[in-house]
Amino acid sequence: MSAASKVVLGVSVVLTLSTVSAVHIKQTWDRQRLHEGVIRDLERLERKKENLRQLEEQRTLTRQLEEERRRSAHRTTPTSEPGE
């Protein structure tokens, strides 16, 4: 085998191994990022559920406060006497 063919073979082997290694590393990195995305989505869904729960709680409290104010306003408003 000539020296030139040995060099070409060596370069080919190095480039092939580099390409395979780079693809493997990139696949591992992509898989890790996808997994992190799933975790972020689950956390986001949990935050959304908590926010909706808090919103419903606030709505309930608002309704109760408005009802108390209405009752209080009816109690403090003097009723007009007939004949006045």
PDB file of N, CA and C in Angstrom:
ATOM      1  N   MET A   1       0.852  -1.159   0.000  1.00  0.00           N
ATOM      2  CA  MET A   1       0.000   0.000   0.000  1.00  0.00           C
ATOM      3  C   MET A   1       0.907   1.234   0.000  1.00  0.00           C
ATOM      4  N   SER A   2       0.585   2.190  -0.837  1.00  0.00           N
ATOM      5  CA  SER A   2       1.429   3.373  -0.957  1.00  0.00           C
ATOM      6  C   SER A   2       1.175   4.309   0.229  1.00  0.00           C
ATOM      7  N   ALA A   3       2.074   5.226   0.400  1.00  0.00           N
ATOM      8  CA  ALA A   3       1.985   6.185   1.505  1.00  0.00           C
ATOM      9  C   ALA A   3       0.769   7.087   1.327  1.00  0.00           C
ATOM     10  N   ALA A   4       0.487   7.478   0.119  1.00  0.00           N
ATOM     11  CA  ALA A   4      -0.664   8.357  -0.147  1.00  0.00           C
ATOM     12  C   ALA A   4      -1.968   7.644   0.215  1.00  0.00           C
ATOM     13  N   SER A   5      -2.072   6.359  -0.133  1.00  0.00           N
ATOM     14  CA  SER A   5      -3.305   5.640   0.172  1.00  0.00           C
ATOM     15  C   SER A   5      -3.453   5.433   1.678  1.00  0.00           C
ATOM     16  N   LYS A   6      -2.320   5.257   2.377  1.00  0.00           N
ATOM     17  CA  LYS A   6      -2.370   5.127   3.832  1.00  0.00           C
ATOM     18  C   LYS A   6      -2.853   6.429   4.476  1.00  0.00           C
ATOM     19  N   VAL A   7      -2.396   7.551   3.954  1.00  0.00           N
ATOM     20  CA  VAL A   7      -2.817   8.853   4.469  1.00  0.00           C
ATOM     21  C   VAL A   7      -4.309   9.056   4.215  1.00  0.00           C
ATOM     22  N   VAL A   8      -4.762   8.735   3.012  1.00  0.00           N
ATOM     23  CA  VAL A   8      -6.173   8.887   2.671  1.00  0.00           C
ATOM     24  C   VAL A   8      -7.023   7.984   3.566  1.00  0.00           C
ATOM     25  N   LEU A   9      -6.588   6.758   3.763  1.00  0.00           N
ATOM     26  CA  LEU A   9      -7.315   5.839   4.623  1.00  0.00           C
ATOM     27  C   LEU A   9      -7.366   6.375   6.061  1.00  0.00           C
ATOM     28  N   GLY A  10      -6.249   6.845   6.562  1.00  0.00           N
ATOM     29  CA  GLY A  10      -6.194   7.390   7.918  1.00  0.00           C
ATOM     30  C   GLY A  10      -7.110   8.585   8.079  1.00  0.00           C
ATOM     31  N   VAL A  11      -7.071   9.490   7.125  1.00  0.00           N
ATOM     32  CA  VAL A  11      -7.926  10.674   7.175  1.00  0.00           C
ATOM     33  C   VAL A  11      -9.398  10.254   7.112  1.00  0.00           C
ATOM     34  N   SER A  12      -9.710   9.298   6.263  1.00  0.00           N
ATOM     35  CA  SER A  12     -11.085   8.806   6.145  1.00  0.00           C
ATOM     36  C   SER A  12     -11.573   8.207   7.461  1.00  0.00           C
ATOM     37  N   VAL A  13     -10.728   7.403   8.108  1.00  0.00           N
ATOM     38  CA  VAL A  13     -11.091   6.783   9.375  1.00  0.00           C
ATOM     39  C   VAL A  13     -11.313   7.862  10.440  1.00  0.00           C
ATOM     40  N   VAL A  14     -10.417   8.835  10.519  1.00  0.00           N
ATOM     41  CA  VAL A  14     -10.541   9.902  11.510  1.00  0.00           C
ATOM     42  C   VAL A  14     -11.812  10.712  11.265  1.00  0.00           C
ATOM     43  N   LEU A  15     -12.077  11.058  10.016  1.00  0.00           N
ATOM     44  CA  LEU A  15     -13.283  11.831   9.711  1.00  0.00           C
ATOM     45  C   LEU A  15     -14.545  11.022  10.010  1.00  0.00           C
ATOM     46  N   THR A  16     -14.527   9.742   9.700  1.00  0.00           N
ATOM     47  CA  THR A  16     -15.687   8.900   9.971  1.00  0.00           C
ATOM     48  C   THR A  16     -15.938   8.793  11.470  1.00  0.00           C
ATOM     49  N   LEU A  17     -14.894   8.523  12.242  1.00  0.00           N
ATOM     50  CA  LEU A  17     -15.042   8.431  13.691  1.00  0.00           C
ATOM     51  C   LEU A  17     -15.492   9.765  14.288  1.00  0.00           C
ATOM     52  N   SER A  18     -14.961  10.859  13.774  1.00  0.00           N
ATOM     53  CA  SER A  18     -15.369  12.186  14.257  1.00  0.00           C
ATOM     54  C   SER A  18     -16.842  12.445  13.964  1.00  0.00           C
ATOM     55  N   THR A  19     -17.283  12.083  12.775  1.00  0.00           N
ATOM     56  CA  THR A  19     -18.674  12.291  12.390  1.00  0.00           C
ATOM     57  C   THR A  19     -19.608  11.450  13.258  1.00  0.00           C
ATOM     58  N   VAL A  20     -19.266  10.182  13.433  1.00  0.00           N
ATOM     59  CA  VAL A  20     -20.094   9.301  14.255  1.00  0.00           C
ATOM     60  C   VAL A  20     -20.151   9.815  15.692  1.00  0.00           C
ATOM     61  N   SER A  21     -19.018  10.221  16.226  1.00  0.00           N
ATOM     62  CA  SER A  21     -18.980  10.744  17.596  1.00  0.00           C
ATOM     63  C   SER A  21     -19.813  12.027  17.715  1.00  0.00           C
ATOM     64  N   ALA A  22     -19.680  12.916  16.755  1.00  0.00           N
ATOM     65  CA  ALA A  22     -20.426  14.175  16.790  1.00  0.00           C
ATOM     66  C   ALA A  22     -21.926  13.916  16.725  1.00  0.00           C
ATOM     67  N   VAL A  23     -22.341  12.993  15.874  1.00  0.00           N
ATOM     68  CA  VAL A  23     -23.764  12.676  15.767  1.00  0.00           C
ATOM     69  C   VAL A  23     -24.270  12.071  17.074  1.00  0.00           C
ATOM     70  N   HIS A  24     -23.496  11.174  17.660  1.00  0.00           N
ATOM     71  CA  HIS A  24     -23.886  10.554  18.916  1.00  0.00           C
ATOM     72  C   HIS A  24     -24.017  11.601  20.032  1.00  0.00           C
ATOM     73  N   ILE A  25     -23.057  12.501  20.124  1.00  0.00           N
ATOM     74  CA  ILE A  25     -23.091  13.552  21.144  1.00  0.00           C
ATOM     75  C   ILE A  25     -24.297  14.459  20.925  1.00  0.00           C
ATOM     76  N   LYS A  26     -24.564  14.826  19.671  1.00  0.00           N
ATOM     77  CA  LYS A  26     -25.709  15.689  19.376  1.00  0.00           C
ATOM     78  C   LYS A  26     -27.018  14.993  19.710  1.00  0.00           C
ATOM     79  N   GLN A  27     -27.138  13.709  19.401  1.00  0.00           N
ATOM     80  CA  GLN A  27     -28.361  12.974  19.741  1.00  0.00           C
ATOM     81  C   GLN A  27     -28.571  12.935  21.251  1.00  0.00           C
ATOM     82  N   THR A  28     -27.511  12.710  21.990  1.00  0.00           N
ATOM     83  CA  THR A  28     -27.603  12.687  23.448  1.00  0.00           C
ATOM     84  C   THR A  28     -28.036  14.054  23.967  1.00  0.00           C
ATOM     85  N   TRP A  29     -27.467  15.105  23.424  1.00  0.00           N
ATOM     86  CA  TRP A  29     -27.809  16.469  23.819  1.00  0.00           C
ATOM     87  C   TRP A  29     -29.270  16.771  23.485  1.00  0.00           C
ATOM     88  N   ASP A  30     -29.717  16.384  22.267  1.00  0.00           N
ATOM     89  CA  ASP A  30     -31.105  16.617  21.870  1.00  0.00           C
ATOM     90  C   ASP A  30     -32.074  15.845  22.763  1.00  0.00           C
ATOM     91  N   ARG A  31     -31.751  14.613  23.087  1.00  0.00           N
ATOM     92  CA  ARG A  31     -32.604  13.797  23.950  1.00  0.00           C
ATOM     93  C   ARG A  31     -32.729  14.441  25.332  1.00  0.00           C
ATOM     94  N   GLN A  32     -31.616  14.953  25.832  1.00  0.00           N
ATOM     95  CA  GLN A  32     -31.620  15.613  27.145  1.00  0.00           C
ATOM     96  C   GLN A  32     -32.484  16.880  27.100  1.00  0.00           C
ATOM     97  N   ARG A  33     -32.360  17.658  26.047  1.00  0.00           N
ATOM     98  CA  ARG A  33     -33.168  18.878  25.912  1.00  0.00           C
ATOM     99  C   ARG A  33     -34.648  18.554  25.812  1.00  0.00           C
ATOM    100  N   LEU A  34     -34.994  17.488  25.080  1.00  0.00           N
ATOM    101  CA  LEU A  34     -36.398  17.089  24.976  1.00  0.00           C
ATOM    102  C   LEU A  34     -36.944  16.694  26.345  1.00  0.00           C
ATOM    103  N   HIS A  35     -36.162  15.967  27.102  1.00  0.00           N
ATOM    104  CA  HIS A  35     -36.586  15.555  28.442  1.00  0.00           C
ATOM    105  C   HIS A  35     -36.777  16.774  29.342  1.00  0.00           C
ATOM    106  N   GLU A  36     -35.879  17.734  29.270  1.00  0.00           N
ATOM    107  CA  GLU A  36     -36.015  18.958  30.057  1.00  0.00           C
ATOM    108  C   GLU A  36     -37.264  19.728  29.640  1.00  0.00           C
ATOM    109  N   GLY A  37     -37.587  19.680  28.345  1.00  0.00           N
ATOM    110  CA  GLY A  37     -38.798  20.344  27.857  1.00  0.00           C
ATOM    111  C   GLY A  37     -40.047  19.730  28.447  1.00  0.00           C
ATOM    112  N   VAL A  38     -40.068  18.412  28.558  1.00  0.00           N
ATOM    113  CA  VAL A  38     -41.213  17.728  29.155  1.00  0.00           C
ATOM    114  C   VAL A  38     -41.355  18.133  30.619  1.00  0.00           C
ATOM    115  N   ILE A  39     -40.248  18.185  31.324  1.00  0.00           N
ATOM    116  CA  ILE A  39     -40.280  18.578  32.734  1.00  0.00           C
ATOM    117  C   ILE A  39     -40.784  20.013  32.867  1.00  0.00           C
ATOM    118  N   ARG A  40     -40.298  20.911  32.003  1.00  0.00           N
ATOM    119  CA  ARG A  40     -40.765  22.306  32.040  1.00  0.00           C
ATOM    120  C   ARG A  40     -42.267  22.389  31.747  1.00  0.00           C
ATOM    121  N   ASP A  41     -42.745  21.578  30.789  1.00  0.00           N
ATOM    122  CA  ASP A  41     -44.171  21.580  30.468  1.00  0.00           C
ATOM    123  C   ASP A  41     -45.001  21.115  31.659  1.00  0.00           C
ATOM    124  N   LEU A  42     -44.541  20.072  32.342  1.00  0.00           N
ATOM    125  CA  LEU A  42     -45.269  19.582  33.515  1.00  0.00           C
ATOM    126  C   LEU A  42     -45.294  20.632  34.618  1.00  0.00           C
ATOM    127  N   GLU A  43     -44.177  21.315  34.820  1.00  0.00           N
ATOM    128  CA  GLU A  43     -44.127  22.377  35.823  1.00  0.00           C
ATOM    129  C   GLU A  43     -45.057  23.523  35.437  1.00  0.00           C
ATOM    130  N   ARG A  44     -45.088  23.851  34.154  1.00  0.00           N
ATOM    131  CA  ARG A  44     -45.957  24.923  33.669  1.00  0.00           C
ATOM    132  C   ARG A  44     -47.422  24.554  33.884  1.00  0.00           C
ATOM    133  N   LEU A  45     -47.783  23.303  33.610  1.00  0.00           N
ATOM    134  CA  LEU A  45     -49.155  22.858  33.826  1.00  0.00           C
ATOM    135  C   LEU A  45     -49.538  22.915  35.303  1.00  0.00           C
ATOM    136  N   GLU A  46     -48.611  22.547  36.176  1.00  0.00           N
ATOM    137  CA  GLU A  46     -48.878  22.626  37.615  1.00  0.00           C
ATOM    138  C   GLU A  46     -49.101  24.079  38.054  1.00  0.00           C
ATOM    139  N   ARG A  47     -48.252  24.991  37.525  1.00  0.00           N
ATOM    140  CA  ARG A  47     -48.431  26.416  37.851  1.00  0.00           C
ATOM    141  C   ARG A  47     -49.783  26.918  37.345  1.00  0.00           C
ATOM    142  N   LYS A  48     -50.168  26.467  36.155  1.00  0.00           N
ATOM    143  CA  LYS A  48     -51.445  26.893  35.584  1.00  0.00           C
ATOM    144  C   LYS A  48     -52.602  26.399  36.458  1.00  0.00           C
ATOM    145  N   LYS A  49     -52.542  25.136  36.893  1.00  0.00           N
ATOM    146  CA  LYS A  49     -53.591  24.606  37.766  1.00  0.00           C
ATOM    147  C   LYS A  49     -53.663  25.399  39.063  1.00  0.00           C
ATOM    148  N   GLU A  50     -52.513  25.703  39.618  1.00  0.00           N
ATOM    149  CA  GLU A  50     -52.476  26.484  40.867  1.00  0.00           C
ATOM    150  C   GLU A  50     -53.048  27.882  40.641  1.00  0.00           C
ATOM    151  N   ASN A  51     -52.690  28.503  39.528  1.00  0.00           N
ATOM    152  CA  ASN A  51     -53.215  29.838  39.221  1.00  0.00           C
ATOM    153  C   ASN A  51     -54.734  29.801  39.050  1.00  0.00           C
ATOM    154  N   LEU A  52     -55.247  28.769  38.387  1.00  0.00           N
ATOM    155  CA  LEU A  52     -56.692  28.652  38.208  1.00  0.00           C
ATOM    156  C   LEU A  52     -57.382  28.427  39.555  1.00  0.00           C
ATOM    157  N   ARG A  53     -56.775  27.638  40.416  1.00  0.00           N
ATOM    158  CA  ARG A  53     -57.337  27.410  41.739  1.00  0.00           C
ATOM    159  C   ARG A  53     -57.387  28.718  42.523  1.00  0.00           C
ATOM    160  N   GLN A  54     -56.297  29.487  42.463  1.00  0.00           N
ATOM    161  CA  GLN A  54     -56.261  30.769  43.162  1.00  0.00           C
ATOM    162  C   GLN A  54     -57.278  31.744  42.574  1.00  0.00           C
ATOM    163  N   LEU A  55     -57.430  31.726  41.259  1.00  0.00           N
ATOM    164  CA  LEU A  55     -58.405  32.604  40.610  1.00  0.00           C
ATOM    165  C   LEU A  55     -59.817  32.261  41.078  1.00  0.00           C
ATOM    166  N   GLU A  56     -60.138  30.976  41.118  1.00  0.00           N
ATOM    167  CA  GLU A  56     -61.467  30.573  41.570  1.00  0.00           C
ATOM    168  C   GLU A  56     -61.677  30.954  43.036  1.00  0.00           C
ATOM    169  N   GLU A  57     -60.643  30.799  43.832  1.00  0.00           N
ATOM    170  CA  GLU A  57     -60.728  31.191  45.240  1.00  0.00           C
ATOM    171  C   GLU A  57     -60.975  32.695  45.360  1.00  0.00           C
ATOM    172  N   GLN A  58     -60.292  33.482  44.553  1.00  0.00           N
ATOM    173  CA  GLN A  58     -60.480  34.934  44.572  1.00  0.00           C
ATOM    174  C   GLN A  58     -61.894  35.305  44.124  1.00  0.00           C
ATOM    175  N   ARG A  59     -62.403  34.601  43.121  1.00  0.00           N
ATOM    176  CA  ARG A  59     -63.768  34.876  42.657  1.00  0.00           C
ATOM    177  C   ARG A  59     -64.770  34.588  43.779  1.00  0.00           C
ATOM    178  N   THR A  60     -64.575  33.482  44.460  1.00  0.00           N
ATOM    179  CA  THR A  60     -65.465  33.132  45.564  1.00  0.00           C
ATOM    180  C   THR A  60     -65.405  34.187  46.660  1.00  0.00           C
ATOM    181  N   LEU A  61     -64.199  34.588  47.022  1.00  0.00           N
ATOM    182  CA  LEU A  61     -64.053  35.612  48.055  1.00  0.00           C
ATOM    183  C   LEU A  61     -64.672  36.932  47.625  1.00  0.00           C
ATOM    184  N   THR A  62     -64.526  37.275  46.345  1.00  0.00           N
ATOM    185  CA  THR A  62     -65.110  38.512  45.826  1.00  0.00           C
ATOM    186  C   THR A  62     -66.628  38.456  45.911  1.00  0.00           C
ATOM    187  N   ARG A  63     -67.207  37.310  45.526  1.00  0.00           N
ATOM    188  CA  ARG A  63     -68.661  37.158  45.615  1.00  0.00           C
ATOM    189  C   ARG A  63     -69.126  37.295  47.065  1.00  0.00           C
ATOM    190  N   GLN A  64     -68.411  36.675  47.984  1.00  0.00           N
ATOM    191  CA  GLN A  64     -68.779  36.755  49.398  1.00  0.00           C
ATOM    192  C   GLN A  64     -68.690  38.195  49.903  1.00  0.00           C
ATOM    193  N   LEU A  65     -67.632  38.895  49.526  1.00  0.00           N
ATOM    194  CA  LEU A  65     -67.465  40.281  49.952  1.00  0.00           C
ATOM    195  C   LEU A  65     -68.575  41.164  49.387  1.00  0.00           C
ATOM    196  N   GLU A  66     -68.899  40.983  48.105  1.00  0.00           N
ATOM    197  CA  GLU A  66     -69.968  41.773  47.505  1.00  0.00           C
ATOM    198  C   GLU A  66     -71.300  41.489  48.193  1.00  0.00           C
ATOM    199  N   GLU A  67     -71.553  40.223  48.522  1.00  0.00           N
ATOM    200  CA  GLU A  67     -72.796  39.873  49.214  1.00  0.00           C
ATOM    201  C   GLU A  67     -72.831  40.506  50.599  1.00  0.00           C
ATOM    202  N   GLU A  68     -71.721  40.488  51.330  1.00  0.00           N
ATOM    203  CA  GLU A  68     -71.659  41.130  52.643  1.00  0.00           C
ATOM    204  C   GLU A  68     -71.898  42.625  52.528  1.00  0.00           C
ATOM    205  N   ARG A  69     -71.317  43.253  51.524  1.00  0.00           N
ATOM    206  CA  ARG A  69     -71.509  44.690  51.323  1.00  0.00           C
ATOM    207  C   ARG A  69     -72.968  44.997  51.023  1.00  0.00           C
ATOM    208  N   ARG A  70     -73.590  44.138  50.186  1.00  0.00           N
ATOM    209  CA  ARG A  70     -75.004  44.340  49.864  1.00  0.00           C
ATOM    210  C   ARG A  70     -75.859  44.230  51.123  1.00  0.00           C
ATOM    211  N   ARG A  71     -75.595  43.212  51.911  1.00  0.00           N
ATOM    212  CA  ARG A  71     -76.358  43.027  53.156  1.00  0.00           C
ATOM    213  C   ARG A  71     -76.147  44.211  54.099  1.00  0.00           C
ATOM    214  N   SER A  72     -74.914  44.641  54.212  1.00  0.00           N
ATOM    215  CA  SER A  72     -74.592  45.759  55.085  1.00  0.00           C
ATOM    216  C   SER A  72     -75.271  47.032  54.599  1.00  0.00           C
ATOM    217  N   ALA A  73     -75.289  47.238  53.302  1.00  0.00           N
ATOM    218  CA  ALA A  73     -75.921  48.426  52.738  1.00  0.00           C
ATOM    219  C   ALA A  73     -77.420  48.398  52.979  1.00  0.00           C
ATOM    220  N   HIS A  74     -78.035  47.236  52.897  1.00  0.00           N
ATOM    221  CA  HIS A  74     -79.473  47.126  53.140  1.00  0.00           C
ATOM    222  C   HIS A  74     -79.807  47.373  54.607  1.00  0.00           C
ATOM    223  N   ARG A  75     -78.929  46.945  55.513  1.00  0.00           N
ATOM    224  CA  ARG A  75     -79.157  47.148  56.938  1.00  0.00           C
ATOM    225  C   ARG A  75     -79.013  48.599  57.339  1.00  0.00           C
ATOM    226  N   THR A  76     -78.051  49.301  56.746  1.00  0.00           N
ATOM    227  CA  THR A  76     -77.788  50.689  57.153  1.00  0.00           C
ATOM    228  C   THR A  76     -78.655  51.691  56.407  1.00  0.00           C
ATOM    229  N   THR A  77     -79.256  51.296  55.305  1.00  0.00           N
ATOM    230  CA  THR A  77     -80.113  52.217  54.561  1.00  0.00           C
ATOM    231  C   THR A  77     -81.431  52.353  55.305  1.00  0.00           C
ATOM    232  N   PRO A  78     -81.789  53.602  55.690  1.00  0.00           N
ATOM    233  CA  PRO A  78     -83.068  53.781  56.385  1.00  0.00           C
ATOM    234  C   PRO A  78     -84.210  53.574  55.416  1.00  0.00           C
ATOM    235  N   THR A  79     -85.208  52.886  55.903  1.00  0.00           N
ATOM    236  CA  THR A  79     -86.384  52.692  55.063  1.00  0.00           C
ATOM    237  C   THR A  79     -87.302  53.887  55.256  1.00  0.00           C
ATOM    238  N   SER A  80     -87.916  54.313  54.202  1.00  0.00           N
ATOM    239  CA  SER A  80     -88.804  55.470  54.297  1.00  0.00           C
ATOM    240  C   SER A  80     -90.132  55.037  54.894  1.00  0.00           C
ATOM    241  N   GLU A  81     -90.633  55.858  55.777  1.00  0.00           N
ATOM    242  CA  GLU A  81     -91.906  55.582  56.439  1.00  0.00           C
ATOM    243  C   GLU A  81     -93.036  55.938  55.503  1.00  0.00           C
ATOM    244  N   PRO A  82     -94.076  55.156  55.460  1.00  0.00           N
ATOM    245  CA  PRO A  82     -95.222  55.556  54.634  1.00  0.00           C
ATOM    246  C   PRO A  82     -95.844  56.817  55.216  1.00  0.00           C
ATOM    247  N   GLY A  83     -96.172  57.726  54.361  1.00  0.00           N
ATOM    248  CA  GLY A  83     -96.777  58.978  54.780  1.00  0.00           C
ATOM    249  C   GLY A  83     -95.757  60.075  54.945  1.00  0.00           C
ATOM    250  N   GLU A  84     -94.523  59.829  54.714  1.00  0.00           N
ATOM    251  CA  GLU A  84     -93.512  60.891  54.813  1.00  0.00           C
ATOM    252  C   GLU A  84     -93.380  61.601  53.513  1.00  0.00           C
TER     253      GLU A  84
END
